Amino acid sequence: MTSKELLYVEDALGHEQFFQTKCHETVSQLQDTCLKNCVEEMAHQHEQIFTSLYGLLN
């Protein structure tokens, strides 16, 4: 992996962590169960993307 590609992956990892954090913050503020479930699923998807990207570094 080139240094430029590594920087891209690191940047993408940071974005996925940010999205997870924002989803969890949003879930804690929502009252609607349906919306909560939707945002929790989004957080889970971002966690899976993070894990996949992280796997590229190993």
Protein backbone atom coordinates (compact mmCIF):
# COMPACT_ATOMS: atom_id res chain seq x y z
CA MET A 1 0.00 0.00 0.00
CA THR A 2 1.40 3.39 -0.96
CA SER A 3 1.68 6.21 1.57
CA LYS A 4 -1.10 8.09 -0.25
CA GLU A 5 -3.39 5.06 -0.04
CA LEU A 6 -2.56 4.65 3.64
CA LEU A 7 -3.50 8.29 4.28
CA TYR A 8 -6.81 7.72 2.48
CA VAL A 9 -7.60 4.67 4.63
CA GLU A 10 -6.66 6.54 7.81
CA ASP A 11 -8.91 9.44 6.78
CA ALA A 12 -11.77 7.06 6.01
CA LEU A 13 -11.31 5.39 9.43
CA GLY A 14 -11.61 8.78 11.10
CA HIS A 15 -14.79 9.54 9.19
CA GLU A 16 -16.35 6.23 10.16
CA GLN A 17 -15.51 6.81 13.83
CA PHE A 18 -17.07 10.27 13.59
CA PHE A 19 -20.25 8.85 12.01
CA GLN A 20 -20.51 6.21 14.73
CA THR A 21 -20.12 8.85 17.45
CA LYS A 22 -22.78 11.09 15.89
CA CYS A 23 -25.19 8.18 15.49
CA HIS A 24 -24.78 7.19 19.15
CA GLU A 25 -25.27 10.81 20.26
CA THR A 26 -28.40 11.05 18.13
CA VAL A 27 -29.85 7.78 19.46
CA SER A 28 -29.55 9.08 23.00
CA GLN A 29 -31.65 12.13 22.06
CA LEU A 30 -34.40 10.40 20.08
CA GLN A 31 -37.76 9.46 21.56
CA ASP A 32 -39.27 7.71 18.53
CA THR A 33 -38.49 3.97 18.68
CA CYS A 34 -38.56 3.53 14.91
CA LEU A 35 -36.08 6.37 14.37
CA LYS A 36 -33.88 5.07 17.19
CA ASN A 37 -33.74 1.64 15.56
CA CYS A 38 -32.89 3.18 12.20
CA VAL A 39 -30.04 5.28 13.60
CA GLU A 40 -28.75 2.34 15.66
CA GLU A 41 -28.61 0.31 12.44
CA MET A 42 -26.69 3.14 10.78
CA ALA A 43 -24.19 3.11 13.66
CA HIS A 44 -23.80 -0.65 13.25
CA GLN A 45 -23.19 -0.25 9.51
CA HIS A 46 -20.50 2.35 10.14
CA GLU A 47 -18.90 0.02 12.68
CA GLN A 48 -18.78 -2.73 10.04
CA ILE A 49 -17.26 -0.35 7.49
CA PHE A 50 -14.67 0.73 10.07
CA THR A 51 -13.79 -2.91 10.76
CA SER A 52 -13.43 -3.63 7.06
CA LEU A 53 -11.21 -0.62 6.50
CA TYR A 54 -9.14 -1.45 9.56
CA GLY A 55 -8.65 -4.93 8.16
CA LEU A 56 -6.87 -3.41 5.16
CA LEU A 57 -4.11 -2.26 7.50
CA ASN A 58 -3.27 -5.76 8.72
